[in-house]
PDB file of N, CA and C in Angstrom:
ATOM      1  N   UNK A   1     -54.971 -74.885 176.140  1.00  0.00           N
ATOM      2  CA  UNK A   1     -54.513 -75.472 177.392  1.00  0.00           C
ATOM      3  C   UNK A   1     -53.047 -75.095 177.622  1.00  0.00           C
ATOM      4  N   UNK A   2     -52.753 -74.549 178.787  1.00  0.00           N
ATOM      5  CA  UNK A   2     -51.363 -74.211 179.092  1.00  0.00           C
ATOM      6  C   UNK A   2     -50.636 -75.460 179.565  1.00  0.00           C
ATOM      7  N   UNK A   3     -49.337 -75.442 179.382  1.00  0.00           N
ATOM      8  CA  UNK A   3     -48.549 -76.597 179.825  1.00  0.00           C
ATOM      9  C   UNK A   3     -47.331 -76.117 180.588  1.00  0.00           C
ATOM     10  N   UNK A   4     -46.893 -76.961 181.483  1.00  0.00           N
ATOM     11  CA  UNK A   4     -45.715 -76.640 182.277  1.00  0.00           C
ATOM     12  C   UNK A   4     -44.497 -76.459 181.387  1.00  0.00           C
ATOM     13  N   UNK A   5     -43.654 -75.529 181.788  1.00  0.00           N
ATOM     14  CA  UNK A   5     -42.387 -75.262 181.112  1.00  0.00           C
ATOM     15  C   UNK A   5     -41.276 -75.593 182.100  1.00  0.00           C
ATOM     16  N   UNK A   6     -40.271 -76.306 181.634  1.00  0.00           N
ATOM     17  CA  UNK A   6     -39.127 -76.677 182.455  1.00  0.00           C
ATOM     18  C   UNK A   6     -37.882 -76.013 181.888  1.00  0.00           C
ATOM     19  N   UNK A   7     -37.028 -75.528 182.779  1.00  0.00           N
ATOM     20  CA  UNK A   7     -35.782 -74.878 182.374  1.00  0.00           C
ATOM     21  C   UNK A   7     -34.644 -75.518 183.152  1.00  0.00           C
ATOM     22  N   UNK A   8     -33.571 -75.809 182.438  1.00  0.00           N
ATOM     23  CA  UNK A   8     -32.347 -76.295 183.071  1.00  0.00           C
ATOM     24  C   UNK A   8     -31.247 -75.329 182.665  1.00  0.00           C
ATOM     25  N   UNK A   9     -30.644 -74.666 183.648  1.00  0.00           N
ATOM     26  CA  UNK A   9     -29.607 -73.668 183.378  1.00  0.00           C
ATOM     27  C   UNK A   9     -28.320 -74.069 184.089  1.00  0.00           C
ATOM     28  N   UNK A  10     -27.194 -73.960 183.374  1.00  0.00           N
ATOM     29  CA  UNK A  10     -25.889 -74.351 183.914  1.00  0.00           C
ATOM     30  C   UNK A  10     -24.944 -73.157 183.932  1.00  0.00           C
ATOM     31  N   UNK A  11     -24.181 -73.066 185.022  1.00  0.00           N
ATOM     32  CA  UNK A  11     -23.264 -71.953 185.256  1.00  0.00           C
ATOM     33  C   UNK A  11     -21.890 -72.512 185.600  1.00  0.00           C
ATOM     34  N   UNK A  12     -20.863 -72.033 184.911  1.00  0.00           N
ATOM     35  CA  UNK A  12     -19.491 -72.490 185.123  1.00  0.00           C
ATOM     36  C   UNK A  12     -18.633 -71.287 185.517  1.00  0.00           C
ATOM     37  N   UNK A  13     -18.408 -71.104 186.825  1.00  0.00           N
ATOM     38  CA  UNK A  13     -17.677 -69.930 187.300  1.00  0.00           C
ATOM     39  C   UNK A  13     -16.209 -69.926 186.875  1.00  0.00           C
ATOM     40  N   UNK A  14     -15.678 -68.725 186.711  1.00  0.00           N
ATOM     41  CA  UNK A  14     -14.241 -68.562 186.536  1.00  0.00           C
ATOM     42  C   UNK A  14     -13.563 -68.974 187.839  1.00  0.00           C
ATOM     43  N   UNK A  15     -12.273 -69.285 187.743  1.00  0.00           N
ATOM     44  CA  UNK A  15     -11.502 -69.633 188.940  1.00  0.00           C
ATOM     45  C   UNK A  15     -11.618 -68.511 189.966  1.00  0.00           C
ATOM     46  N   UNK A  16     -11.769 -68.879 191.200  1.00  0.00           N
ATOM     47  CA  UNK A  16     -11.871 -67.958 192.332  1.00  0.00           C
ATOM     48  C   UNK A  16     -13.164 -67.133 192.351  1.00  0.00           C
ATOM     49  N   UNK A  17     -14.131 -67.479 191.511  1.00  0.00           N
ATOM     50  CA  UNK A  17     -15.417 -66.777 191.500  1.00  0.00           C
ATOM     51  C   UNK A  17     -16.568 -67.676 191.966  1.00  0.00           C
ATOM     52  N   UNK A  18     -16.228 -68.901 192.377  1.00  0.00           N
ATOM     53  CA  UNK A  18     -17.261 -69.880 192.735  1.00  0.00           C
ATOM     54  C   UNK A  18     -18.181 -69.379 193.854  1.00  0.00           C
ATOM     55  N   UNK A  19     -17.606 -68.841 194.908  1.00  0.00           N
ATOM     56  CA  UNK A  19     -18.415 -68.380 196.047  1.00  0.00           C
ATOM     57  C   UNK A  19     -19.335 -67.235 195.654  1.00  0.00           C
ATOM     58  N   UNK A  20     -18.818 -66.324 194.859  1.00  0.00           N
ATOM     59  CA  UNK A  20     -19.630 -65.178 194.442  1.00  0.00           C
ATOM     60  C   UNK A  20     -20.789 -65.632 193.556  1.00  0.00           C
ATOM     61  N   UNK A  21     -20.515 -66.537 192.621  1.00  0.00           N
ATOM     62  CA  UNK A  21     -21.576 -67.062 191.755  1.00  0.00           C
ATOM     63  C   UNK A  21     -22.619 -67.791 192.600  1.00  0.00           C
ATOM     64  N   UNK A  22     -22.159 -68.597 193.537  1.00  0.00           N
ATOM     65  CA  UNK A  22     -23.094 -69.332 194.396  1.00  0.00           C
ATOM     66  C   UNK A  22     -23.998 -68.373 195.166  1.00  0.00           C
ATOM     67  N   UNK A  23     -23.440 -67.323 195.727  1.00  0.00           N
ATOM     68  CA  UNK A  23     -24.241 -66.372 196.502  1.00  0.00           C
ATOM     69  C   UNK A  23     -25.262 -65.654 195.624  1.00  0.00           C
ATOM     70  N   UNK A  24     -24.865 -65.279 194.422  1.00  0.00           N
ATOM     71  CA  UNK A  24     -25.801 -64.627 193.499  1.00  0.00           C
ATOM     72  C   UNK A  24     -26.957 -65.569 193.179  1.00  0.00           C
ATOM     73  N   UNK A  25     -26.635 -66.817 192.872  1.00  0.00           N
ATOM     74  CA  UNK A  25     -27.678 -67.786 192.523  1.00  0.00           C
ATOM     75  C   UNK A  25     -28.567 -68.109 193.724  1.00  0.00           C
ATOM     76  N   UNK A  26     -27.982 -68.247 194.902  1.00  0.00           N
ATOM     77  CA  UNK A  26     -28.785 -68.490 196.109  1.00  0.00           C
ATOM     78  C   UNK A  26     -29.742 -67.328 196.359  1.00  0.00           C
ATOM     79  N   UNK A  27     -29.293 -66.126 196.037  1.00  0.00           N
ATOM     80  CA  UNK A  27     -30.137 -64.951 196.212  1.00  0.00           C
ATOM     81  C   UNK A  27     -31.341 -64.915 195.290  1.00  0.00           C
ATOM     82  N   UNK A  28     -31.326 -65.721 194.251  1.00  0.00           N
ATOM     83  CA  UNK A  28     -32.458 -65.799 193.322  1.00  0.00           C
ATOM     84  C   UNK A  28     -33.544 -66.759 193.796  1.00  0.00           C
ATOM     85  N   UNK A  29     -33.218 -67.674 194.678  1.00  0.00           N
ATOM     86  CA  UNK A  29     -34.135 -68.767 195.015  1.00  0.00           C
ATOM     87  C   UNK A  29     -35.431 -68.268 195.651  1.00  0.00           C
ATOM     88  N   UNK A  30     -35.362 -67.578 196.762  1.00  0.00           N
ATOM     89  CA  UNK A  30     -36.588 -67.175 197.459  1.00  0.00           C
ATOM     90  C   UNK A  30     -37.460 -66.227 196.640  1.00  0.00           C
ATOM     91  N   UNK A  31     -36.897 -65.167 196.029  1.00  0.00           N
ATOM     92  CA  UNK A  31     -37.773 -64.288 195.253  1.00  0.00           C
ATOM     93  C   UNK A  31     -38.426 -65.002 194.068  1.00  0.00           C
ATOM     94  N   UNK A  32     -37.692 -65.914 193.444  1.00  0.00           N
ATOM     95  CA  UNK A  32     -38.263 -66.618 192.298  1.00  0.00           C
ATOM     96  C   UNK A  32     -39.340 -67.590 192.741  1.00  0.00           C
ATOM     97  N   UNK A  33     -39.102 -68.297 193.825  1.00  0.00           N
ATOM     98  CA  UNK A  33     -40.116 -69.244 194.320  1.00  0.00           C
ATOM     99  C   UNK A  33     -41.418 -68.540 194.698  1.00  0.00           C
ATOM    100  N   UNK A  34     -41.354 -67.268 195.029  1.00  0.00           N
ATOM    101  CA  UNK A  34     -42.567 -66.542 195.411  1.00  0.00           C
ATOM    102  C   UNK A  34     -43.306 -65.946 194.210  1.00  0.00           C
ATOM    103  N   UNK A  35     -42.766 -66.087 193.013  1.00  0.00           N
ATOM    104  CA  UNK A  35     -43.421 -65.558 191.816  1.00  0.00           C
ATOM    105  C   UNK A  35     -44.670 -66.375 191.476  1.00  0.00           C
ATOM    106  N   UNK A  36     -45.699 -65.704 190.960  1.00  0.00           N
ATOM    107  CA  UNK A  36     -46.863 -66.461 190.494  1.00  0.00           C
ATOM    108  C   UNK A  36     -46.459 -67.368 189.332  1.00  0.00           C
ATOM    109  N   UNK A  37     -46.884 -68.608 189.381  1.00  0.00           N
ATOM    110  CA  UNK A  37     -46.585 -69.545 188.298  1.00  0.00           C
ATOM    111  C   UNK A  37     -45.285 -70.298 188.444  1.00  0.00           C
ATOM    112  N   UNK A  38     -44.473 -69.965 189.449  1.00  0.00           N
ATOM    113  CA  UNK A  38     -43.245 -70.733 189.683  1.00  0.00           C
ATOM    114  C   UNK A  38     -43.607 -71.955 190.520  1.00  0.00           C
ATOM    115  N   UNK A  39     -43.402 -73.129 189.950  1.00  0.00           N
ATOM    116  CA  UNK A  39     -43.725 -74.376 190.634  1.00  0.00           C
ATOM    117  C   UNK A  39     -42.507 -74.995 191.305  1.00  0.00           C
ATOM    118  N   UNK A  40     -41.334 -74.676 190.768  1.00  0.00           N
ATOM    119  CA  UNK A  40     -40.102 -75.244 191.321  1.00  0.00           C
ATOM    120  C   UNK A  40     -38.927 -74.382 190.866  1.00  0.00           C
ATOM    121  N   UNK A  41     -37.982 -74.171 191.780  1.00  0.00           N
ATOM    122  CA  UNK A  41     -36.769 -73.420 191.461  1.00  0.00           C
ATOM    123  C   UNK A  41     -35.700 -73.924 192.413  1.00  0.00           C
ATOM    124  N   UNK A  42     -34.909 -74.877 191.953  1.00  0.00           N
ATOM    125  CA  UNK A  42     -33.934 -75.561 192.802  1.00  0.00           C
ATOM    126  C   UNK A  42     -32.524 -75.367 192.269  1.00  0.00           C
ATOM    127  N   UNK A  43     -31.606 -75.092 193.182  1.00  0.00           N
ATOM    128  CA  UNK A  43     -30.200 -74.867 192.850  1.00  0.00           C
ATOM    129  C   UNK A  43     -29.377 -76.078 193.260  1.00  0.00           C
ATOM    130  N   UNK A  44     -28.547 -76.549 192.345  1.00  0.00           N
ATOM    131  CA  UNK A  44     -27.678 -77.705 192.577  1.00  0.00           C
ATOM    132  C   UNK A  44     -26.240 -77.320 192.256  1.00  0.00           C
ATOM    133  N   UNK A  45     -25.302 -78.100 192.784  1.00  0.00           N
ATOM    134  CA  UNK A  45     -23.897 -77.903 192.452  1.00  0.00           C
ATOM    135  C   UNK A  45     -23.258 -79.239 192.111  1.00  0.00           C
ATOM    136  N   UNK A  46     -22.202 -79.168 191.333  1.00  0.00           N
ATOM    137  CA  UNK A  46     -21.423 -80.349 190.975  1.00  0.00           C
ATOM    138  C   UNK A  46     -19.952 -79.979 191.060  1.00  0.00           C
ATOM    139  N   UNK A  47     -19.140 -80.936 191.484  1.00  0.00           N
ATOM    140  CA  UNK A  47     -17.696 -80.696 191.534  1.00  0.00           C
ATOM    141  C   UNK A  47     -16.964 -81.562 190.520  1.00  0.00           C
ATOM    142  N   UNK A  48     -17.712 -82.200 189.632  1.00  0.00           N
ATOM    143  CA  UNK A  48     -17.073 -82.984 188.577  1.00  0.00           C
ATOM    144  C   UNK A  48     -16.503 -82.007 187.546  1.00  0.00           C
ATOM    145  N   UNK A  49     -15.230 -82.136 187.236  1.00  0.00           N
ATOM    146  CA  UNK A  49     -14.564 -81.251 186.271  1.00  0.00           C
ATOM    147  C   UNK A  49     -14.657 -79.785 186.688  1.00  0.00           C
ATOM    148  N   UNK A  50     -14.413 -79.508 187.953  1.00  0.00           N
ATOM    149  CA  UNK A  50     -14.502 -78.143 188.458  1.00  0.00           C
ATOM    150  C   UNK A  50     -15.879 -77.888 189.045  1.00  0.00           C
ATOM    151  N   UNK A  51     -16.030 -76.736 189.656  1.00  0.00           N
ATOM    152  CA  UNK A  51     -17.304 -76.399 190.289  1.00  0.00           C
ATOM    153  C   UNK A  51     -18.265 -75.840 189.244  1.00  0.00           C
ATOM    154  N   UNK A  52     -19.486 -76.338 189.274  1.00  0.00           N
ATOM    155  CA  UNK A  52     -20.541 -75.785 188.427  1.00  0.00           C
ATOM    156  C   UNK A  52     -21.829 -75.737 189.239  1.00  0.00           C
ATOM    157  N   UNK A  53     -22.738 -74.887 188.798  1.00  0.00           N
ATOM    158  CA  UNK A  53     -24.039 -74.741 189.446  1.00  0.00           C
ATOM    159  C   UNK A  53     -25.116 -74.952 188.397  1.00  0.00           C
ATOM    160  N   UNK A  54     -26.242 -75.499 188.845  1.00  0.00           N
ATOM    161  CA  UNK A  54     -27.322 -75.824 187.912  1.00  0.00           C
ATOM    162  C   UNK A  54     -28.654 -75.482 188.559  1.00  0.00           C
ATOM    163  N   UNK A  55     -29.505 -74.840 187.787  1.00  0.00           N
ATOM    164  CA  UNK A  55     -30.854 -74.524 188.240  1.00  0.00           C
ATOM    165  C   UNK A  55     -31.843 -75.405 187.500  1.00  0.00           C
ATOM    166  N   UNK A  56     -32.762 -75.994 188.251  1.00  0.00           N
ATOM    167  CA  UNK A  56     -33.876 -76.716 187.657  1.00  0.00           C
ATOM    168  C   UNK A  56     -35.121 -75.916 187.992  1.00  0.00           C
ATOM    169  N   UNK A  57     -35.792 -75.443 186.959  1.00  0.00           N
ATOM    170  CA  UNK A  57     -36.928 -74.552 187.133  1.00  0.00           C
ATOM    171  C   UNK A  57     -38.165 -75.164 186.487  1.00  0.00           C
ATOM    172  N   UNK A  58     -39.314 -74.919 187.080  1.00  0.00           N
ATOM    173  CA  UNK A  58     -40.580 -75.391 186.528  1.00  0.00           C
ATOM    174  C   UNK A  58     -41.602 -74.268 186.689  1.00  0.00           C
ATOM    175  N   UNK A  59     -42.208 -73.886 185.579  1.00  0.00           N
ATOM    176  CA  UNK A  59     -43.212 -72.826 185.564  1.00  0.00           C
ATOM    177  C   UNK A  59     -44.529 -73.376 185.042  1.00  0.00           C
ATOM    178  N   UNK A  60     -45.620 -72.796 185.487  1.00  0.00           N
ATOM    179  CA  UNK A  60     -46.943 -73.289 185.113  1.00  0.00           C
ATOM    180  C   UNK A  60     -47.228 -73.130 183.625  1.00  0.00           C
ATOM    181  N   UNK A  61     -46.605 -72.143 182.998  1.00  0.00           N
ATOM    182  CA  UNK A  61     -46.799 -71.918 181.565  1.00  0.00           C
ATOM    183  C   UNK A  61     -45.765 -70.908 181.065  1.00  0.00           C
ATOM    184  N   UNK A  62     -45.799 -70.640 179.764  1.00  0.00           N
ATOM    185  CA  UNK A  62     -44.829 -69.717 179.167  1.00  0.00           C
ATOM    186  C   UNK A  62     -44.973 -68.308 179.732  1.00  0.00           C
ATOM    187  N   UNK A  63     -46.190 -67.908 180.070  1.00  0.00           N
ATOM    188  CA  UNK A  63     -46.399 -66.572 180.636  1.00  0.00           C
ATOM    189  C   UNK A  63     -45.684 -66.423 181.979  1.00  0.00           C
ATOM    190  N   UNK A  64     -45.670 -67.480 182.774  1.00  0.00           N
ATOM    191  CA  UNK A  64     -44.971 -67.430 184.067  1.00  0.00           C
ATOM    192  C   UNK A  64     -43.463 -67.303 183.865  1.00  0.00           C
ATOM    193  N   UNK A  65     -42.918 -68.002 182.874  1.00  0.00           N
ATOM    194  CA  UNK A  65     -41.491 -67.874 182.564  1.00  0.00           C
ATOM    195  C   UNK A  65     -41.189 -66.470 182.059  1.00  0.00           C
ATOM    196  N   UNK A  66     -42.043 -65.928 181.200  1.00  0.00           N
ATOM    197  CA  UNK A  66     -41.855 -64.559 180.714  1.00  0.00           C
ATOM    198  C   UNK A  66     -41.895 -63.562 181.874  1.00  0.00           C
ATOM    199  N   UNK A  67     -42.827 -63.764 182.798  1.00  0.00           N
ATOM    200  CA  UNK A  67     -42.914 -62.896 183.976  1.00  0.00           C
ATOM    201  C   UNK A  67     -41.605 -62.935 184.756  1.00  0.00           C
ATOM    202  N   UNK A  68     -41.094 -64.149 184.982  1.00  0.00           N
ATOM    203  CA  UNK A  68     -39.831 -64.325 185.713  1.00  0.00           C
ATOM    204  C   UNK A  68     -38.715 -63.513 185.063  1.00  0.00           C
ATOM    205  N   UNK A  69     -38.633 -63.574 183.767  1.00  0.00           N
ATOM    206  CA  UNK A  69     -37.547 -62.894 183.046  1.00  0.00           C
ATOM    207  C   UNK A  69     -37.691 -61.375 183.032  1.00  0.00           C
ATOM    208  N   UNK A  70     -38.819 -60.867 183.483  1.00  0.00           N
ATOM    209  CA  UNK A  70     -39.030 -59.421 183.553  1.00  0.00           C
ATOM    210  C   UNK A  70     -38.887 -58.863 184.969  1.00  0.00           C
ATOM    211  N   UNK A  71     -38.645 -59.736 185.944  1.00  0.00           N
ATOM    212  CA  UNK A  71     -38.543 -59.262 187.326  1.00  0.00           C
ATOM    213  C   UNK A  71     -37.239 -58.499 187.561  1.00  0.00           C
ATOM    214  N   UNK A  72     -37.259 -57.657 188.560  1.00  0.00           N
ATOM    215  CA  UNK A  72     -36.070 -56.887 188.930  1.00  0.00           C
ATOM    216  C   UNK A  72     -34.943 -57.807 189.372  1.00  0.00           C
ATOM    217  N   UNK A  73     -35.259 -58.839 190.163  1.00  0.00           N
ATOM    218  CA  UNK A  73     -34.190 -59.728 190.647  1.00  0.00           C
ATOM    219  C   UNK A  73     -33.555 -60.508 189.496  1.00  0.00           C
ATOM    220  N   UNK A  74     -34.334 -60.894 188.500  1.00  0.00           N
ATOM    221  CA  UNK A  74     -33.768 -61.596 187.341  1.00  0.00           C
ATOM    222  C   UNK A  74     -32.849 -60.659 186.547  1.00  0.00           C
ATOM    223  N   UNK A  75     -33.335 -59.476 186.250  1.00  0.00           N
ATOM    224  CA  UNK A  75     -32.530 -58.522 185.473  1.00  0.00           C
ATOM    225  C   UNK A  75     -31.253 -58.142 186.221  1.00  0.00           C
ATOM    226  N   UNK A  76     -31.344 -58.008 187.532  1.00  0.00           N
ATOM    227  CA  UNK A  76     -30.178 -57.656 188.341  1.00  0.00           C
ATOM    228  C   UNK A  76     -29.124 -58.760 188.299  1.00  0.00           C
ATOM    229  N   UNK A  77     -29.555 -60.006 188.510  1.00  0.00           N
ATOM    230  CA  UNK A  77     -28.590 -61.119 188.501  1.00  0.00           C
ATOM    231  C   UNK A  77     -27.954 -61.272 187.124  1.00  0.00           C
ATOM    232  N   UNK A  78     -28.742 -61.125 186.068  1.00  0.00           N
ATOM    233  CA  UNK A  78     -28.192 -61.266 184.715  1.00  0.00           C
ATOM    234  C   UNK A  78     -27.168 -60.175 184.408  1.00  0.00           C
ATOM    235  N   UNK A  79     -27.328 -59.010 184.996  1.00  0.00           N
ATOM    236  CA  UNK A  79     -26.410 -57.903 184.713  1.00  0.00           C
ATOM    237  C   UNK A  79     -25.033 -58.099 185.337  1.00  0.00           C
ATOM    238  N   UNK A  80     -24.916 -58.976 186.344  1.00  0.00           N
ATOM    239  CA  UNK A  80     -23.625 -59.153 187.011  1.00  0.00           C
ATOM    240  C   UNK A  80     -22.998 -60.532 186.826  1.00  0.00           C
ATOM    241  N   UNK A  81     -23.785 -61.551 186.589  1.00  0.00           N
ATOM    242  CA  UNK A  81     -23.239 -62.909 186.652  1.00  0.00           C
ATOM    243  C   UNK A  81     -22.372 -63.278 185.449  1.00  0.00           C
ATOM    244  N   UNK A  82     -22.700 -62.789 184.278  1.00  0.00           N
ATOM    245  CA  UNK A  82     -21.965 -63.174 183.062  1.00  0.00           C
ATOM    246  C   UNK A  82     -20.462 -62.931 183.197  1.00  0.00           C
ATOM    247  N   UNK A  83     -20.077 -61.828 183.821  1.00  0.00           N
ATOM    248  CA  UNK A  83     -18.657 -61.485 183.961  1.00  0.00           C
ATOM    249  C   UNK A  83     -17.912 -62.450 184.876  1.00  0.00           C
ATOM    250  N   UNK A  84     -18.639 -63.229 185.661  1.00  0.00           N
ATOM    251  CA  UNK A  84     -18.026 -64.159 186.611  1.00  0.00           C
ATOM    252  C   UNK A  84     -17.921 -65.581 186.069  1.00  0.00           C
ATOM    253  N   UNK A  85     -18.384 -65.790 184.847  1.00  0.00           N
ATOM    254  CA  UNK A  85     -18.455 -67.139 184.283  1.00  0.00           C
ATOM    255  C   UNK A  85     -17.407 -67.377 183.211  1.00  0.00           C
ATOM    256  N   UNK A  86     -16.964 -68.642 183.118  1.00  0.00           N
ATOM    257  CA  UNK A  86     -16.016 -69.049 182.076  1.00  0.00           C
ATOM    258  C   UNK A  86     -16.637 -69.019 180.691  1.00  0.00           C
ATOM    259  N   UNK A  87     -17.918 -69.317 180.618  1.00  0.00           N
ATOM    260  CA  UNK A  87     -18.625 -69.374 179.336  1.00  0.00           C
ATOM    261  C   UNK A  87     -20.063 -68.934 179.556  1.00  0.00           C
ATOM    262  N   UNK A  88     -20.779 -68.641 178.483  1.00  0.00           N
ATOM    263  CA  UNK A  88     -22.170 -68.199 178.641  1.00  0.00           C
ATOM    264  C   UNK A  88     -23.022 -69.232 179.385  1.00  0.00           C
ATOM    265  N   UNK A  89     -24.055 -68.735 180.030  1.00  0.00           N
ATOM    266  CA  UNK A  89     -24.991 -69.614 180.730  1.00  0.00           C
ATOM    267  C   UNK A  89     -25.602 -70.577 179.716  1.00  0.00           C
ATOM    268  N   UNK A  90     -25.605 -71.849 180.071  1.00  0.00           N
ATOM    269  CA  UNK A  90     -26.249 -72.849 179.222  1.00  0.00           C
ATOM    270  C   UNK A  90     -27.692 -73.004 179.648  1.00  0.00           C
ATOM    271  N   UNK A  91     -28.617 -72.639 178.782  1.00  0.00           N
ATOM    272  CA  UNK A  91     -30.038 -72.700 179.121  1.00  0.00           C
ATOM    273  C   UNK A  91     -30.754 -73.620 178.144  1.00  0.00           C
ATOM    274  N   UNK A  92     -31.508 -74.561 178.707  1.00  0.00           N
ATOM    275  CA  UNK A  92     -32.341 -75.453 177.908  1.00  0.00           C
ATOM    276  C   UNK A  92     -33.765 -75.301 178.420  1.00  0.00           C
ATOM    277  N   UNK A  93     -34.684 -74.907 177.533  1.00  0.00           N
ATOM    278  CA  UNK A  93     -36.101 -74.813 177.876  1.00  0.00           C
ATOM    279  C   UNK A  93     -36.776 -76.045 177.309  1.00  0.00           C
ATOM    280  N   UNK A  94     -37.521 -76.757 178.170  1.00  0.00           N
ATOM    281  CA  UNK A  94     -38.065 -78.058 177.774  1.00  0.00           C
ATOM    282  C   UNK A  94     -39.564 -78.140 178.021  1.00  0.00           C
ATOM    283  N   UNK A  95     -40.220 -78.932 177.179  1.00  0.00           N
ATOM    284  CA  UNK A  95     -41.613 -79.325 177.383  1.00  0.00           C
ATOM    285  C   UNK A  95     -41.600 -80.761 177.866  1.00  0.00           C
ATOM    286  N   UNK A  96     -42.507 -81.082 178.750  1.00  0.00           N
ATOM    287  CA  UNK A  96     -42.573 -82.438 179.289  1.00  0.00           C
ATOM    288  C   UNK A  96     -43.321 -83.354 178.325  1.00  0.00           C
ATOM    289  N   UNK A  97     -42.743 -84.522 178.075  1.00  0.00           N
ATOM    290  CA  UNK A  97     -43.371 -85.508 177.200  1.00  0.00           C
ATOM    291  C   UNK A  97     -44.265 -86.443 178.003  1.00  0.00           C
ATOM    292  N   UNK A  98     -43.754 -86.924 179.108  1.00  0.00           N
ATOM    293  CA  UNK A  98     -44.564 -87.801 179.953  1.00  0.00           C
ATOM    294  C   UNK A  98     -44.300 -87.467 181.410  1.00  0.00           C
ATOM    295  N   UNK A  99     -45.215 -87.865 182.252  1.00  0.00           N
ATOM    296  CA  UNK A  99     -45.069 -87.575 183.678  1.00  0.00           C
ATOM    297  C   UNK A  99     -45.743 -88.668 184.485  1.00  0.00           C
ATOM    298  N   UNK A 100     -45.280 -88.825 185.703  1.00  0.00           N
ATOM    299  CA  UNK A 100     -45.942 -89.742 186.624  1.00  0.00           C
ATOM    300  C   UNK A 100     -47.266 -89.132 187.045  1.00  0.00           C
ATOM    301  N   UNK A 101     -48.259 -89.944 187.195  1.00  0.00           N
ATOM    302  CA  UNK A 101     -49.565 -89.435 187.635  1.00  0.00           C
ATOM    303  C   UNK A 101     -49.853 -89.869 189.030  1.00  0.00           C
TER     304      UNK A 101
END
């Protein structure tokens, strides 16, 4: 039985790179949402302790997440975004323990 996979990713832009990071991340939303197995791909921002961006992702199974990581748009964004960040992307991959029915 396959199970949903959840990903929470955090991005902390360098000073004066906030707009560029935001545009790169916004550019990922539509192509990722159209991928098979992508159930949710939402971008959030926070201004607590500086500007940060956060992605909440939900995939139907591990194969869908693997597919996402092999797409051209994923590889393209990963090749440019790291240089714009204060620290490496914080990624947490989670399994759901309980859910509302």
